[in-house]
Amino acid sequence: MIIFQSNPLNQKLFLNKKMPYTCKECKLEFYSREGLEVHVLRKHTTPIPKGLDHFS
Protein backbone atom coordinates (compact mmCIF):
# COMPACT_ATOMS: atom_id res chain seq x y z
CA MET A 1 0.00 0.00 0.00
CA ILE A 2 1.42 3.34 -1.03
CA ILE A 3 1.04 6.14 1.48
CA PHE A 4 1.39 9.65 0.12
CA GLN A 5 2.86 12.47 2.16
CA SER A 6 0.34 15.26 2.66
CA ASN A 7 1.73 17.13 -0.29
CA PRO A 8 -0.93 18.96 -2.34
CA LEU A 9 0.72 18.01 -5.63
CA ASN A 10 0.73 14.32 -4.78
CA GLN A 11 -2.88 14.44 -3.67
CA LYS A 12 -3.92 16.19 -6.87
CA LEU A 13 -2.13 13.60 -9.01
CA PHE A 14 -3.75 10.82 -7.04
CA LEU A 15 -7.25 12.25 -7.39
CA ASN A 16 -6.92 12.88 -11.12
CA LYS A 17 -5.69 9.39 -11.80
CA LYS A 18 -8.21 7.12 -13.46
CA MET A 19 -9.11 4.24 -11.18
CA PRO A 20 -7.62 1.25 -12.94
CA TYR A 21 -9.73 -1.55 -11.46
CA THR A 22 -13.45 -1.90 -12.08
CA CYS A 23 -15.76 -4.51 -10.63
CA LYS A 24 -17.44 -6.32 -13.52
CA GLU A 25 -20.51 -7.10 -11.42
CA CYS A 26 -21.50 -3.65 -10.20
CA LYS A 27 -19.14 -1.22 -11.98
CA LEU A 28 -17.58 0.14 -8.80
CA GLU A 29 -14.07 1.42 -9.36
CA PHE A 30 -11.01 0.90 -7.17
CA TYR A 31 -7.54 2.40 -6.98
CA SER A 32 -5.87 -0.87 -6.07
CA ARG A 33 -6.18 -4.48 -7.04
CA GLU A 34 -6.36 -5.36 -3.34
CA GLY A 35 -9.38 -3.11 -2.87
CA LEU A 36 -11.13 -4.72 -5.81
CA GLU A 37 -10.35 -8.25 -4.65
CA VAL A 38 -11.63 -7.58 -1.13
CA HIS A 39 -14.80 -6.05 -2.55
CA VAL A 40 -15.44 -8.99 -4.88
CA LEU A 41 -14.81 -11.49 -2.09
CA ARG A 42 -17.20 -9.68 0.25
CA LYS A 43 -19.96 -8.79 -2.18
CA HIS A 44 -19.94 -11.23 -5.07
CA THR A 45 -18.43 -14.47 -3.84
CA THR A 46 -20.64 -17.12 -2.32
CA PRO A 47 -18.86 -19.42 0.10
CA ILE A 48 -18.06 -22.71 -1.60
CA PRO A 49 -18.80 -25.87 0.39
CA LYS A 50 -15.65 -27.69 1.46
CA GLY A 51 -14.49 -30.23 -1.07
CA LEU A 52 -16.07 -28.47 -4.04
CA ASP A 53 -13.53 -25.75 -4.65
CA HIS A 54 -10.69 -26.76 -6.91
CA PHE A 55 -8.30 -24.04 -5.81
CA SER A 56 -7.46 -25.12 -2.28
PDB file of N, CA and C in Angstrom:
ATOM      1  N   MET A   1       0.852  -1.191   0.000  1.00  0.00           N
ATOM      2  CA  MET A   1       0.000   0.000   0.000  1.00  0.00           C
ATOM      3  C   MET A   1       0.885   1.237   0.000  1.00  0.00           C
ATOM      4  N   ILE A   2       0.603   2.132  -0.916  1.00  0.00           N
ATOM      5  CA  ILE A   2       1.420   3.337  -1.026  1.00  0.00           C
ATOM      6  C   ILE A   2       0.763   4.440  -0.212  1.00  0.00           C
ATOM      7  N   ILE A   3       1.538   5.031   0.683  1.00  0.00           N
ATOM      8  CA  ILE A   3       1.035   6.145   1.485  1.00  0.00           C
ATOM      9  C   ILE A   3       1.677   7.421   0.947  1.00  0.00           C
ATOM     10  N   PHE A   4       0.849   8.385   0.597  1.00  0.00           N
ATOM     11  CA  PHE A   4       1.389   9.653   0.119  1.00  0.00           C
ATOM     12  C   PHE A   4       1.605  10.595   1.291  1.00  0.00           C
ATOM     13  N   GLN A   5       2.675  11.383   1.207  1.00  0.00           N
ATOM     14  CA  GLN A   5       2.858  12.471   2.165  1.00  0.00           C
ATOM     15  C   GLN A   5       1.729  13.469   1.915  1.00  0.00           C
ATOM     16  N   SER A   6       1.401  14.284   2.928  1.00  0.00           N
ATOM     17  CA  SER A   6       0.342  15.255   2.664  1.00  0.00           C
ATOM     18  C   SER A   6       0.926  16.433   1.885  1.00  0.00           C
ATOM     19  N   ASN A   7       1.176  16.163   0.640  1.00  0.00           N
ATOM     20  CA  ASN A   7       1.726  17.133  -0.293  1.00  0.00           C
ATOM     21  C   ASN A   7       0.630  17.393  -1.320  1.00  0.00           C
ATOM     22  N   PRO A   8       0.211  18.651  -1.470  1.00  0.00           N
ATOM     23  CA  PRO A   8      -0.934  18.959  -2.341  1.00  0.00           C
ATOM     24  C   PRO A   8      -0.752  18.431  -3.766  1.00  0.00           C
ATOM     25  N   LEU A   9       0.476  18.487  -4.268  1.00  0.00           N
ATOM     26  CA  LEU A   9       0.724  18.014  -5.628  1.00  0.00           C
ATOM     27  C   LEU A   9       0.457  16.515  -5.735  1.00  0.00           C
ATOM     28  N   ASN A  10       0.964  15.763  -4.769  1.00  0.00           N
ATOM     29  CA  ASN A  10       0.735  14.317  -4.775  1.00  0.00           C
ATOM     30  C   ASN A  10      -0.752  13.999  -4.695  1.00  0.00           C
ATOM     31  N   GLN A  11      -1.462  14.714  -3.829  1.00  0.00           N
ATOM     32  CA  GLN A  11      -2.884  14.444  -3.672  1.00  0.00           C
ATOM     33  C   GLN A  11      -3.631  14.743  -4.966  1.00  0.00           C
ATOM     34  N   LYS A  12      -3.247  15.828  -5.635  1.00  0.00           N
ATOM     35  CA  LYS A  12      -3.918  16.186  -6.872  1.00  0.00           C
ATOM     36  C   LYS A  12      -3.677  15.108  -7.930  1.00  0.00           C
ATOM     37  N   LEU A  13      -2.438  14.650  -8.043  1.00  0.00           N
ATOM     38  CA  LEU A  13      -2.125  13.602  -9.013  1.00  0.00           C
ATOM     39  C   LEU A  13      -2.938  12.344  -8.716  1.00  0.00           C
ATOM     40  N   PHE A  14      -3.042  12.030  -7.439  1.00  0.00           N
ATOM     41  CA  PHE A  14      -3.750  10.819  -7.037  1.00  0.00           C
ATOM     42  C   PHE A  14      -5.234  10.917  -7.393  1.00  0.00           C
ATOM     43  N   LEU A  15      -5.828  12.086  -7.133  1.00  0.00           N
ATOM     44  CA  LEU A  15      -7.254  12.247  -7.388  1.00  0.00           C
ATOM     45  C   LEU A  15      -7.579  12.271  -8.878  1.00  0.00           C
ATOM     46  N   ASN A  16      -6.650  12.785  -9.681  1.00  0.00           N
ATOM     47  CA  ASN A  16      -6.916  12.875 -11.116  1.00  0.00           C
ATOM     48  C   ASN A  16      -6.685  11.563 -11.840  1.00  0.00           C
ATOM     49  N   LYS A  17      -6.022  10.647 -11.167  1.00  0.00           N
ATOM     50  CA  LYS A  17      -5.685   9.385 -11.796  1.00  0.00           C
ATOM     51  C   LYS A  17      -6.952   8.554 -12.010  1.00  0.00           C
ATOM     52  N   LYS A  18      -7.068   7.994 -13.191  1.00  0.00           N
ATOM     53  CA  LYS A  18      -8.212   7.119 -13.462  1.00  0.00           C
ATOM     54  C   LYS A  18      -8.079   5.868 -12.600  1.00  0.00           C
ATOM     55  N   MET A  19      -9.176   5.448 -12.000  1.00  0.00           N
ATOM     56  CA  MET A  19      -9.112   4.243 -11.179  1.00  0.00           C
ATOM     57  C   MET A  19      -9.002   3.037 -12.103  1.00  0.00           C
ATOM     58  N   PRO A  20      -7.941   2.264 -11.943  1.00  0.00           N
ATOM     59  CA  PRO A  20      -7.623   1.246 -12.941  1.00  0.00           C
ATOM     60  C   PRO A  20      -8.405  -0.058 -12.803  1.00  0.00           C
ATOM     61  N   TYR A  21      -9.048  -0.269 -11.667  1.00  0.00           N
ATOM     62  CA  TYR A  21      -9.727  -1.552 -11.461  1.00  0.00           C
ATOM     63  C   TYR A  21     -11.224  -1.330 -11.335  1.00  0.00           C
ATOM     64  N   THR A  22     -11.995  -2.039 -12.110  1.00  0.00           N
ATOM     65  CA  THR A  22     -13.447  -1.897 -12.082  1.00  0.00           C
ATOM     66  C   THR A  22     -14.081  -3.259 -11.821  1.00  0.00           C
ATOM     67  N   CYS A  23     -15.027  -3.275 -10.910  1.00  0.00           N
ATOM     68  CA  CYS A  23     -15.760  -4.505 -10.632  1.00  0.00           C
ATOM     69  C   CYS A  23     -16.703  -4.796 -11.796  1.00  0.00           C
ATOM     70  N   LYS A  24     -16.590  -5.980 -12.378  1.00  0.00           N
ATOM     71  CA  LYS A  24     -17.443  -6.322 -13.520  1.00  0.00           C
ATOM     72  C   LYS A  24     -18.908  -6.464 -13.107  1.00  0.00           C
ATOM     73  N   GLU A  25     -19.141  -6.856 -11.870  1.00  0.00           N
ATOM     74  CA  GLU A  25     -20.513  -7.104 -11.422  1.00  0.00           C
ATOM     75  C   GLU A  25     -21.302  -5.805 -11.251  1.00  0.00           C
ATOM     76  N   CYS A  26     -20.704  -4.833 -10.565  1.00  0.00           N
ATOM     77  CA  CYS A  26     -21.495  -3.652 -10.203  1.00  0.00           C
ATOM     78  C   CYS A  26     -20.847  -2.343 -10.621  1.00  0.00           C
ATOM     79  N   LYS A  27     -19.765  -2.405 -11.391  1.00  0.00           N
ATOM     80  CA  LYS A  27     -19.140  -1.222 -11.983  1.00  0.00           C
ATOM     81  C   LYS A  27     -18.518  -0.259 -10.970  1.00  0.00           C
ATOM     82  N   LEU A  28     -18.316  -0.696  -9.741  1.00  0.00           N
ATOM     83  CA  LEU A  28     -17.580   0.143  -8.800  1.00  0.00           C
ATOM     84  C   LEU A  28     -16.121   0.169  -9.215  1.00  0.00           C
ATOM     85  N   GLU A  29     -15.467   1.305  -8.970  1.00  0.00           N
ATOM     86  CA  GLU A  29     -14.066   1.423  -9.364  1.00  0.00           C
ATOM     87  C   GLU A  29     -13.173   1.494  -8.138  1.00  0.00           C
ATOM     88  N   PHE A  30     -11.957   0.969  -8.277  1.00  0.00           N
ATOM     89  CA  PHE A  30     -11.012   0.899  -7.170  1.00  0.00           C
ATOM     90  C   PHE A  30      -9.638   1.344  -7.617  1.00  0.00           C
ATOM     91  N   TYR A  31      -8.900   1.956  -6.680  1.00  0.00           N
ATOM     92  CA  TYR A  31      -7.539   2.398  -6.980  1.00  0.00           C
ATOM     93  C   TYR A  31      -6.571   1.234  -7.004  1.00  0.00           C
ATOM     94  N   SER A  32      -6.844   0.216  -6.200  1.00  0.00           N
ATOM     95  CA  SER A  32      -5.868  -0.866  -6.073  1.00  0.00           C
ATOM     96  C   SER A  32      -6.516  -2.208  -6.348  1.00  0.00           C
ATOM     97  N   ARG A  33      -5.703  -3.137  -6.796  1.00  0.00           N
ATOM     98  CA  ARG A  33      -6.185  -4.483  -7.041  1.00  0.00           C
ATOM     99  C   ARG A  33      -6.673  -5.115  -5.743  1.00  0.00           C
ATOM    100  N   GLU A  34      -5.960  -4.809  -4.638  1.00  0.00           N
ATOM    101  CA  GLU A  34      -6.359  -5.360  -3.337  1.00  0.00           C
ATOM    102  C   GLU A  34      -7.773  -4.909  -2.984  1.00  0.00           C
ATOM    103  N   GLY A  35      -8.049  -3.637  -3.187  1.00  0.00           N
ATOM    104  CA  GLY A  35      -9.376  -3.112  -2.869  1.00  0.00           C
ATOM    105  C   GLY A  35     -10.458  -3.823  -3.670  1.00  0.00           C
ATOM    106  N   LEU A  36     -10.169  -4.030  -4.950  1.00  0.00           N
ATOM    107  CA  LEU A  36     -11.130  -4.716  -5.810  1.00  0.00           C
ATOM    108  C   LEU A  36     -11.334  -6.154  -5.353  1.00  0.00           C
ATOM    109  N   GLU A  37     -10.235  -6.846  -5.051  1.00  0.00           N
ATOM    110  CA  GLU A  37     -10.346  -8.252  -4.650  1.00  0.00           C
ATOM    111  C   GLU A  37     -11.145  -8.397  -3.363  1.00  0.00           C
ATOM    112  N   VAL A  38     -10.886  -7.518  -2.396  1.00  0.00           N
ATOM    113  CA  VAL A  38     -11.627  -7.579  -1.132  1.00  0.00           C
ATOM    114  C   VAL A  38     -13.109  -7.339  -1.386  1.00  0.00           C
ATOM    115  N   HIS A  39     -13.410  -6.347  -2.229  1.00  0.00           N
ATOM    116  CA  HIS A  39     -14.802  -6.047  -2.547  1.00  0.00           C
ATOM    117  C   HIS A  39     -15.495  -7.251  -3.191  1.00  0.00           C
ATOM    118  N   VAL A  40     -14.836  -7.851  -4.178  1.00  0.00           N
ATOM    119  CA  VAL A  40     -15.441  -8.994  -4.877  1.00  0.00           C
ATOM    120  C   VAL A  40     -15.658 -10.154  -3.914  1.00  0.00           C
ATOM    121  N   LEU A  41     -14.659 -10.402  -3.056  1.00  0.00           N
ATOM    122  CA  LEU A  41     -14.810 -11.491  -2.088  1.00  0.00           C
ATOM    123  C   LEU A  41     -15.985 -11.235  -1.160  1.00  0.00           C
ATOM    124  N   ARG A  42     -16.132  -9.986  -0.697  1.00  0.00           N
ATOM    125  CA  ARG A  42     -17.203  -9.682   0.254  1.00  0.00           C
ATOM    126  C   ARG A  42     -18.570  -9.659  -0.397  1.00  0.00           C
ATOM    127  N   LYS A  43     -18.659  -9.069  -1.594  1.00  0.00           N
ATOM    128  CA  LYS A  43     -19.965  -8.790  -2.179  1.00  0.00           C
ATOM    129  C   LYS A  43     -20.439  -9.844  -3.174  1.00  0.00           C
ATOM    130  N   HIS A  44     -19.520 -10.433  -3.928  1.00  0.00           N
ATOM    131  CA  HIS A  44     -19.942 -11.235  -5.069  1.00  0.00           C
ATOM    132  C   HIS A  44     -19.495 -12.687  -5.010  1.00  0.00           C
ATOM    133  N   THR A  45     -18.880 -13.090  -3.912  1.00  0.00           N
ATOM    134  CA  THR A  45     -18.427 -14.471  -3.838  1.00  0.00           C
ATOM    135  C   THR A  45     -19.287 -15.211  -2.833  1.00  0.00           C
ATOM    136  N   THR A  46     -19.892 -16.301  -3.267  1.00  0.00           N
ATOM    137  CA  THR A  46     -20.638 -17.120  -2.316  1.00  0.00           C
ATOM    138  C   THR A  46     -19.680 -18.154  -1.763  1.00  0.00           C
ATOM    139  N   PRO A  47     -19.760 -18.433  -0.482  1.00  0.00           N
ATOM    140  CA  PRO A  47     -18.860 -19.418   0.101  1.00  0.00           C
ATOM    141  C   PRO A  47     -19.069 -20.767  -0.588  1.00  0.00           C
ATOM    142  N   ILE A  48     -17.977 -21.422  -0.915  1.00  0.00           N
ATOM    143  CA  ILE A  48     -18.056 -22.705  -1.603  1.00  0.00           C
ATOM    144  C   ILE A  48     -17.954 -23.814  -0.552  1.00  0.00           C
ATOM    145  N   PRO A  49     -18.880 -24.774  -0.583  1.00  0.00           N
ATOM    146  CA  PRO A  49     -18.800 -25.870   0.393  1.00  0.00           C
ATOM    147  C   PRO A  49     -17.461 -26.587   0.298  1.00  0.00           C
ATOM    148  N   LYS A  50     -16.945 -27.005   1.433  1.00  0.00           N
ATOM    149  CA  LYS A  50     -15.649 -27.692   1.456  1.00  0.00           C
ATOM    150  C   LYS A  50     -15.670 -28.904   0.539  1.00  0.00           C
ATOM    151  N   GLY A  51     -14.572 -29.081  -0.187  1.00  0.00           N
ATOM    152  CA  GLY A  51     -14.489 -30.229  -1.073  1.00  0.00           C
ATOM    153  C   GLY A  51     -14.907 -29.914  -2.500  1.00  0.00           C
ATOM    154  N   LEU A  52     -15.624 -28.808  -2.693  1.00  0.00           N
ATOM    155  CA  LEU A  52     -16.070 -28.475  -4.037  1.00  0.00           C
ATOM    156  C   LEU A  52     -15.192 -27.436  -4.722  1.00  0.00           C
ATOM    157  N   ASP A  53     -14.354 -26.735  -3.949  1.00  0.00           N
ATOM    158  CA  ASP A  53     -13.528 -25.749  -4.649  1.00  0.00           C
ATOM    159  C   ASP A  53     -12.238 -26.407  -5.102  1.00  0.00           C
ATOM    160  N   HIS A  54     -11.832 -26.083  -6.313  1.00  0.00           N
ATOM    161  CA  HIS A  54     -10.686 -26.756  -6.910  1.00  0.00           C
ATOM    162  C   HIS A  54      -9.399 -25.991  -6.694  1.00  0.00           C
ATOM    163  N   PHE A  55      -9.474 -24.904  -5.934  1.00  0.00           N
ATOM    164  CA  PHE A  55      -8.302 -24.042  -5.808  1.00  0.00           C
ATOM    165  C   PHE A  55      -7.567 -24.222  -4.496  1.00  0.00           C
ATOM    166  N   SER A  56      -8.121 -25.005  -3.580  1.00  0.00           N
ATOM    167  CA  SER A  56      -7.460 -25.117  -2.281  1.00  0.00           C
ATOM    168  C   SER A  56      -6.403 -26.209  -2.294  1.00  0.00           C
TER     169      SER A  56
END
